[in-house]
Amino acid sequence: MSERTRTTSGSPFEATFGFARAVREGNRIIVAGTGPVEPDGSTTPGGAAEQAARCCAIIVAAIEDLGGSAADVVRTRMLLTDPDDQDAVGAVHAAFFGKAKPAATMAGVAWLCRPEWRVEIEAEAVVIT
């Protein structure tokens, strides 16, 4: 039986809603839906590209904290509130995960946790040792 480990990013939603940023079980790392939250709890300023970059940076940090890397990402899901943001978010996704070429989904949603959020991203990684 493998050990389950967790990590946090410090987002206020983690404590309030009762979840971990990421969980590792064996060689699999699952990263929760990640919004553009700054270390002080505020929303990342800027448009969809800036927000997506913040989401991806949080995701990569969580994966690294659990012993993986961006190269280990095998699945991502990008949730957008505006379909006009797909090219900007897709370009950021490629910059962070393009070498890994994960299976990816991009979908439109009516809303996210904060009204100013334009994007939320989740990921899964498999660490090959």
N, C-alpha and C. Protein backbone atom coordinates (compact mmCIF):
# COMPACT_ATOMS: atom_id res chain seq x y z
N MET A 1 0.84 -1.17 0.00
CA MET A 1 0.00 0.00 0.00
C MET A 1 0.89 1.24 0.00
N SER A 2 0.63 2.16 -0.89
CA SER A 2 1.46 3.36 -0.97
C SER A 2 0.98 4.43 0.00
N GLU A 3 1.88 5.33 0.30
CA GLU A 3 1.57 6.42 1.22
C GLU A 3 0.95 7.58 0.45
N ARG A 4 -0.03 8.20 1.02
CA ARG A 4 -0.67 9.36 0.42
C ARG A 4 -0.08 10.62 1.05
N THR A 5 0.39 11.55 0.21
CA THR A 5 0.93 12.82 0.71
C THR A 5 0.19 13.96 0.05
N ARG A 6 0.16 15.09 0.73
CA ARG A 6 -0.57 16.26 0.26
C ARG A 6 0.32 17.49 0.34
N THR A 7 -0.05 18.50 -0.45
CA THR A 7 0.61 19.78 -0.37
C THR A 7 -0.43 20.89 -0.47
N THR A 8 -0.05 22.05 -0.01
CA THR A 8 -0.93 23.21 -0.05
C THR A 8 -0.23 24.35 -0.77
N SER A 9 -1.01 25.27 -1.32
CA SER A 9 -0.42 26.45 -1.95
C SER A 9 -0.65 27.70 -1.11
N GLY A 10 -1.44 27.57 -0.06
CA GLY A 10 -1.75 28.71 0.78
C GLY A 10 -3.00 29.48 0.34
N SER A 11 -3.67 29.01 -0.69
CA SER A 11 -4.91 29.65 -1.11
C SER A 11 -5.91 29.62 0.04
N PRO A 12 -6.62 30.72 0.28
CA PRO A 12 -7.62 30.71 1.35
C PRO A 12 -8.74 29.70 1.11
N PHE A 13 -8.97 29.32 -0.13
CA PHE A 13 -10.02 28.35 -0.44
C PHE A 13 -9.69 26.97 0.10
N GLU A 14 -8.41 26.63 0.20
CA GLU A 14 -8.03 25.30 0.67
C GLU A 14 -8.52 25.05 2.09
N ALA A 15 -8.28 25.99 2.98
CA ALA A 15 -8.74 25.83 4.36
C ALA A 15 -10.25 25.99 4.47
N THR A 16 -10.80 26.97 3.78
CA THR A 16 -12.24 27.25 3.87
C THR A 16 -13.07 26.11 3.31
N PHE A 17 -12.65 25.56 2.17
CA PHE A 17 -13.43 24.50 1.52
C PHE A 17 -12.95 23.10 1.87
N GLY A 18 -11.83 23.00 2.61
CA GLY A 18 -11.36 21.69 3.09
C GLY A 18 -10.76 20.80 2.03
N PHE A 19 -9.77 21.29 1.29
CA PHE A 19 -9.10 20.45 0.30
C PHE A 19 -7.62 20.76 0.25
N ALA A 20 -6.85 19.84 -0.33
CA ALA A 20 -5.42 20.02 -0.56
C ALA A 20 -5.22 20.53 -1.98
N ARG A 21 -4.18 21.30 -2.20
CA ARG A 21 -3.86 21.74 -3.57
C ARG A 21 -3.57 20.54 -4.45
N ALA A 22 -2.79 19.59 -3.89
CA ALA A 22 -2.46 18.40 -4.66
C ALA A 22 -2.28 17.22 -3.71
N VAL A 23 -2.53 16.04 -4.26
CA VAL A 23 -2.40 14.79 -3.51
C VAL A 23 -1.57 13.83 -4.35
N ARG A 24 -0.59 13.20 -3.69
CA ARG A 24 0.20 12.16 -4.37
C ARG A 24 -0.12 10.82 -3.74
N GLU A 25 -0.45 9.86 -4.58
CA GLU A 25 -0.68 8.47 -4.19
C GLU A 25 0.17 7.63 -5.13
N GLY A 26 1.19 7.00 -4.59
CA GLY A 26 2.11 6.24 -5.44
C GLY A 26 2.83 7.19 -6.39
N ASN A 27 2.76 6.88 -7.68
CA ASN A 27 3.43 7.74 -8.66
C ASN A 27 2.49 8.74 -9.31
N ARG A 28 1.26 8.82 -8.82
CA ARG A 28 0.25 9.71 -9.41
C ARG A 28 0.05 10.95 -8.53
N ILE A 29 0.07 12.12 -9.18
CA ILE A 29 -0.18 13.39 -8.50
C ILE A 29 -1.41 14.02 -9.13
N ILE A 30 -2.39 14.36 -8.31
CA ILE A 30 -3.61 15.01 -8.79
C ILE A 30 -3.65 16.41 -8.19
N VAL A 31 -3.74 17.42 -9.06
CA VAL A 31 -3.77 18.81 -8.62
C VAL A 31 -5.20 19.33 -8.76
N ALA A 32 -5.72 19.89 -7.69
CA ALA A 32 -7.07 20.43 -7.67
C ALA A 32 -7.22 21.58 -8.66
N GLY A 33 -8.46 21.91 -8.98
CA GLY A 33 -8.71 23.10 -9.77
C GLY A 33 -8.01 24.28 -9.14
N THR A 34 -7.23 24.99 -9.95
CA THR A 34 -6.35 26.03 -9.43
C THR A 34 -6.70 27.37 -10.08
N GLY A 35 -7.15 28.30 -9.25
CA GLY A 35 -7.47 29.64 -9.72
C GLY A 35 -6.28 30.56 -9.59
N PRO A 36 -6.38 31.76 -10.15
CA PRO A 36 -5.29 32.72 -10.14
C PRO A 36 -5.22 33.50 -8.83
N VAL A 37 -4.71 32.83 -7.79
CA VAL A 37 -4.66 33.42 -6.46
C VAL A 37 -3.21 33.79 -6.13
N GLU A 38 -3.01 35.02 -5.72
CA GLU A 38 -1.69 35.51 -5.31
C GLU A 38 -1.40 35.07 -3.87
N PRO A 39 -0.14 35.14 -3.43
CA PRO A 39 0.20 34.70 -2.07
C PRO A 39 -0.60 35.42 -0.97
N ASP A 40 -1.03 36.66 -1.22
CA ASP A 40 -1.81 37.38 -0.21
C ASP A 40 -3.31 37.08 -0.29
N GLY A 41 -3.70 36.16 -1.18
CA GLY A 41 -5.10 35.78 -1.32
C GLY A 41 -5.86 36.58 -2.36
N SER A 42 -5.25 37.61 -2.91
CA SER A 42 -5.92 38.42 -3.94
C SER A 42 -5.86 37.70 -5.29
N THR A 43 -6.65 38.18 -6.22
CA THR A 43 -6.67 37.63 -7.56
C THR A 43 -5.53 38.22 -8.39
N THR A 44 -4.89 37.39 -9.18
CA THR A 44 -3.83 37.85 -10.08
C THR A 44 -4.39 38.93 -10.99
N PRO A 45 -3.72 40.09 -11.05
CA PRO A 45 -4.20 41.14 -11.95
C PRO A 45 -3.91 40.80 -13.42
N GLY A 46 -4.64 41.44 -14.30
CA GLY A 46 -4.42 41.24 -15.73
C GLY A 46 -5.51 40.41 -16.36
N GLY A 47 -5.25 40.01 -17.57
CA GLY A 47 -6.22 39.25 -18.34
C GLY A 47 -6.04 37.75 -18.19
N ALA A 48 -6.64 37.03 -19.11
CA ALA A 48 -6.65 35.57 -19.05
C ALA A 48 -5.24 34.99 -19.11
N ALA A 49 -4.36 35.56 -19.92
CA ALA A 49 -3.00 35.02 -20.03
C ALA A 49 -2.26 35.14 -18.70
N GLU A 50 -2.34 36.28 -18.06
CA GLU A 50 -1.67 36.47 -16.78
C GLU A 50 -2.25 35.54 -15.71
N GLN A 51 -3.56 35.41 -15.73
CA GLN A 51 -4.21 34.53 -14.76
C GLN A 51 -3.84 33.07 -15.03
N ALA A 52 -3.81 32.66 -16.29
CA ALA A 52 -3.44 31.28 -16.62
C ALA A 52 -2.00 31.00 -16.21
N ALA A 53 -1.11 31.96 -16.40
CA ALA A 53 0.29 31.78 -16.01
C ALA A 53 0.40 31.57 -14.50
N ARG A 54 -0.38 32.32 -13.74
CA ARG A 54 -0.36 32.15 -12.28
C ARG A 54 -0.89 30.77 -11.91
N CYS A 55 -1.99 30.34 -12.53
CA CYS A 55 -2.53 29.01 -12.27
C CYS A 55 -1.48 27.93 -12.55
N CYS A 56 -0.84 28.04 -13.70
CA CYS A 56 0.16 27.03 -14.08
C CYS A 56 1.35 27.05 -13.14
N ALA A 57 1.78 28.22 -12.71
CA ALA A 57 2.91 28.30 -11.77
C ALA A 57 2.57 27.63 -10.44
N ILE A 58 1.35 27.83 -9.96
CA ILE A 58 0.91 27.18 -8.72
C ILE A 58 0.87 25.66 -8.91
N ILE A 59 0.36 25.22 -10.05
CA ILE A 59 0.28 23.79 -10.35
C ILE A 59 1.67 23.16 -10.39
N VAL A 60 2.59 23.77 -11.10
CA VAL A 60 3.94 23.22 -11.21
C VAL A 60 4.61 23.19 -9.84
N ALA A 61 4.44 24.24 -9.05
CA ALA A 61 5.03 24.26 -7.71
C ALA A 61 4.48 23.12 -6.85
N ALA A 62 3.19 22.86 -6.95
CA ALA A 62 2.58 21.77 -6.17
C ALA A 62 3.13 20.41 -6.61
N ILE A 63 3.24 20.23 -7.91
CA ILE A 63 3.77 18.96 -8.44
C ILE A 63 5.23 18.79 -8.00
N GLU A 64 6.00 19.85 -8.08
CA GLU A 64 7.40 19.77 -7.65
C GLU A 64 7.51 19.49 -6.16
N ASP A 65 6.62 20.07 -5.37
CA ASP A 65 6.62 19.85 -3.93
C ASP A 65 6.38 18.37 -3.59
N LEU A 66 5.69 17.68 -4.49
CA LEU A 66 5.39 16.26 -4.28
C LEU A 66 6.32 15.34 -5.07
N GLY A 67 7.42 15.90 -5.58
CA GLY A 67 8.44 15.07 -6.22
C GLY A 67 8.34 14.90 -7.72
N GLY A 68 7.48 15.66 -8.37
CA GLY A 68 7.34 15.56 -9.82
C GLY A 68 7.83 16.82 -10.51
N SER A 69 7.48 16.93 -11.78
CA SER A 69 7.84 18.12 -12.56
C SER A 69 6.79 18.34 -13.64
N ALA A 70 6.89 19.47 -14.30
CA ALA A 70 5.96 19.77 -15.40
C ALA A 70 6.03 18.71 -16.48
N ALA A 71 7.19 18.09 -16.66
CA ALA A 71 7.36 17.04 -17.66
C ALA A 71 6.54 15.80 -17.35
N ASP A 72 6.10 15.64 -16.10
CA ASP A 72 5.32 14.48 -15.69
C ASP A 72 3.81 14.66 -15.89
N VAL A 73 3.38 15.84 -16.32
CA VAL A 73 1.95 16.12 -16.46
C VAL A 73 1.39 15.32 -17.64
N VAL A 74 0.30 14.57 -17.37
CA VAL A 74 -0.32 13.73 -18.39
C VAL A 74 -1.75 14.18 -18.73
N ARG A 75 -2.33 15.08 -17.91
CA ARG A 75 -3.71 15.50 -18.13
C ARG A 75 -3.91 16.89 -17.56
N THR A 76 -4.58 17.76 -18.33
CA THR A 76 -4.96 19.08 -17.82
C THR A 76 -6.40 19.36 -18.22
N ARG A 77 -7.02 20.23 -17.43
CA ARG A 77 -8.37 20.72 -17.74
C ARG A 77 -8.36 22.22 -17.51
N MET A 78 -8.74 22.96 -18.53
CA MET A 78 -8.77 24.42 -18.47
C MET A 78 -10.21 24.87 -18.56
N LEU A 79 -10.66 25.62 -17.58
CA LEU A 79 -12.03 26.11 -17.53
C LEU A 79 -11.98 27.62 -17.76
N LEU A 80 -12.70 28.09 -18.77
CA LEU A 80 -12.70 29.50 -19.15
C LEU A 80 -14.11 30.08 -19.03
N THR A 81 -14.17 31.34 -18.61
CA THR A 81 -15.48 32.00 -18.56
C THR A 81 -15.79 32.75 -19.85
N ASP A 82 -14.81 32.92 -20.72
CA ASP A 82 -15.01 33.64 -21.99
C ASP A 82 -14.30 32.88 -23.10
N PRO A 83 -15.03 32.41 -24.11
CA PRO A 83 -14.39 31.66 -25.18
C PRO A 83 -13.35 32.47 -25.97
N ASP A 84 -13.44 33.78 -25.91
CA ASP A 84 -12.44 34.60 -26.60
C ASP A 84 -11.06 34.49 -25.97
N ASP A 85 -10.96 33.90 -24.78
CA ASP A 85 -9.68 33.75 -24.08
C ASP A 85 -8.95 32.46 -24.45
N GLN A 86 -9.53 31.62 -25.30
CA GLN A 86 -8.94 30.30 -25.53
C GLN A 86 -7.54 30.36 -26.13
N ASP A 87 -7.28 31.27 -27.05
CA ASP A 87 -5.94 31.34 -27.65
C ASP A 87 -4.90 31.79 -26.63
N ALA A 88 -5.23 32.78 -25.81
CA ALA A 88 -4.29 33.28 -24.80
C ALA A 88 -3.99 32.20 -23.76
N VAL A 89 -5.02 31.52 -23.29
CA VAL A 89 -4.83 30.47 -22.29
C VAL A 89 -4.10 29.28 -22.91
N GLY A 90 -4.45 28.93 -24.13
CA GLY A 90 -3.77 27.83 -24.81
C GLY A 90 -2.28 28.10 -24.99
N ALA A 91 -1.91 29.34 -25.30
CA ALA A 91 -0.50 29.68 -25.46
C ALA A 91 0.26 29.54 -24.14
N VAL A 92 -0.37 29.95 -23.04
CA VAL A 92 0.28 29.79 -21.73
C VAL A 92 0.41 28.31 -21.39
N HIS A 93 -0.63 27.54 -21.65
CA HIS A 93 -0.59 26.10 -21.41
C HIS A 93 0.57 25.48 -22.18
N ALA A 94 0.73 25.87 -23.43
CA ALA A 94 1.83 25.33 -24.25
C ALA A 94 3.18 25.70 -23.66
N ALA A 95 3.31 26.91 -23.15
CA ALA A 95 4.58 27.35 -22.57
C ALA A 95 4.95 26.51 -21.35
N PHE A 96 3.97 26.14 -20.54
CA PHE A 96 4.24 25.37 -19.32
C PHE A 96 4.29 23.86 -19.57
N PHE A 97 3.41 23.36 -20.42
CA PHE A 97 3.24 21.91 -20.55
C PHE A 97 3.41 21.38 -21.97
N GLY A 98 3.79 22.22 -22.91
CA GLY A 98 3.90 21.82 -24.31
C GLY A 98 4.86 20.69 -24.57
N LYS A 99 5.96 20.65 -23.83
CA LYS A 99 6.92 19.55 -24.03
C LYS A 99 6.34 18.23 -23.55
N ALA A 100 5.53 18.26 -22.49
CA ALA A 100 4.91 17.04 -21.96
C ALA A 100 3.76 16.56 -22.85
N LYS A 101 3.14 17.48 -23.56
CA LYS A 101 1.98 17.18 -24.42
C LYS A 101 0.92 16.33 -23.70
N PRO A 102 0.37 16.85 -22.60
CA PRO A 102 -0.65 16.07 -21.88
C PRO A 102 -1.96 16.03 -22.66
N ALA A 103 -2.78 15.05 -22.34
CA ALA A 103 -4.16 15.07 -22.80
C ALA A 103 -4.79 16.30 -22.15
N ALA A 104 -5.51 17.10 -22.91
CA ALA A 104 -6.01 18.36 -22.37
C ALA A 104 -7.45 18.61 -22.79
N THR A 105 -8.18 19.26 -21.90
CA THR A 105 -9.54 19.70 -22.17
C THR A 105 -9.63 21.17 -21.87
N MET A 106 -10.30 21.92 -22.76
CA MET A 106 -10.60 23.32 -22.51
C MET A 106 -12.11 23.46 -22.66
N ALA A 107 -12.75 23.99 -21.64
CA ALA A 107 -14.21 24.08 -21.66
C ALA A 107 -14.66 25.44 -21.12
N GLY A 108 -15.79 25.87 -21.59
CA GLY A 108 -16.40 27.10 -21.11
C GLY A 108 -17.31 26.81 -19.94
N VAL A 109 -17.28 27.71 -18.96
CA VAL A 109 -18.14 27.59 -17.78
C VAL A 109 -18.82 28.94 -17.53
N ALA A 110 -19.91 28.91 -16.81
CA ALA A 110 -20.67 30.13 -16.55
C ALA A 110 -20.00 31.02 -15.50
N TRP A 111 -19.31 30.40 -14.54
CA TRP A 111 -18.68 31.18 -13.47
C TRP A 111 -17.61 30.35 -12.78
N LEU A 112 -16.72 31.06 -12.07
CA LEU A 112 -15.71 30.42 -11.23
C LEU A 112 -15.85 31.01 -9.82
N CYS A 113 -15.01 30.61 -8.88
CA CYS A 113 -15.18 30.99 -7.47
C CYS A 113 -15.22 32.50 -7.22
N ARG A 114 -14.47 33.25 -7.96
CA ARG A 114 -14.50 34.70 -7.85
C ARG A 114 -14.92 35.29 -9.19
N PRO A 115 -15.73 36.33 -9.19
CA PRO A 115 -16.25 36.85 -10.46
C PRO A 115 -15.17 37.39 -11.39
N GLU A 116 -14.01 37.81 -10.86
CA GLU A 116 -12.95 38.34 -11.71
C GLU A 116 -12.06 37.26 -12.31
N TRP A 117 -12.22 36.01 -11.87
CA TRP A 117 -11.43 34.93 -12.45
C TRP A 117 -11.91 34.64 -13.86
N ARG A 118 -10.96 34.52 -14.77
CA ARG A 118 -11.26 34.19 -16.16
C ARG A 118 -10.91 32.75 -16.48
N VAL A 119 -10.10 32.13 -15.62
CA VAL A 119 -9.62 30.78 -15.90
C VAL A 119 -9.33 30.04 -14.59
N GLU A 120 -9.53 28.74 -14.63
CA GLU A 120 -9.13 27.83 -13.56
C GLU A 120 -8.59 26.58 -14.25
N ILE A 121 -7.51 26.01 -13.72
CA ILE A 121 -6.86 24.88 -14.38
C ILE A 121 -6.59 23.79 -13.35
N GLU A 122 -6.77 22.55 -13.76
CA GLU A 122 -6.38 21.42 -12.92
C GLU A 122 -5.47 20.50 -13.73
N ALA A 123 -4.72 19.65 -13.03
CA ALA A 123 -3.75 18.80 -13.72
C ALA A 123 -3.56 17.47 -13.00
N GLU A 124 -3.05 16.52 -13.75
CA GLU A 124 -2.65 15.23 -13.20
C GLU A 124 -1.27 14.90 -13.75
N ALA A 125 -0.45 14.31 -12.91
CA ALA A 125 0.90 13.93 -13.32
C ALA A 125 1.16 12.49 -12.90
N VAL A 126 2.01 11.83 -13.65
CA VAL A 126 2.47 10.50 -13.32
C VAL A 126 4.00 10.56 -13.30
N VAL A 127 4.56 10.30 -12.14
CA VAL A 127 6.01 10.38 -11.96
C VAL A 127 6.61 9.00 -12.23
N ILE A 128 7.46 8.93 -13.21
CA ILE A 128 8.15 7.68 -13.54
C ILE A 128 9.50 7.69 -12.83
N THR A 129 9.70 6.72 -11.95
CA THR A 129 10.96 6.68 -11.20
C THR A 129 11.87 5.58 -11.67
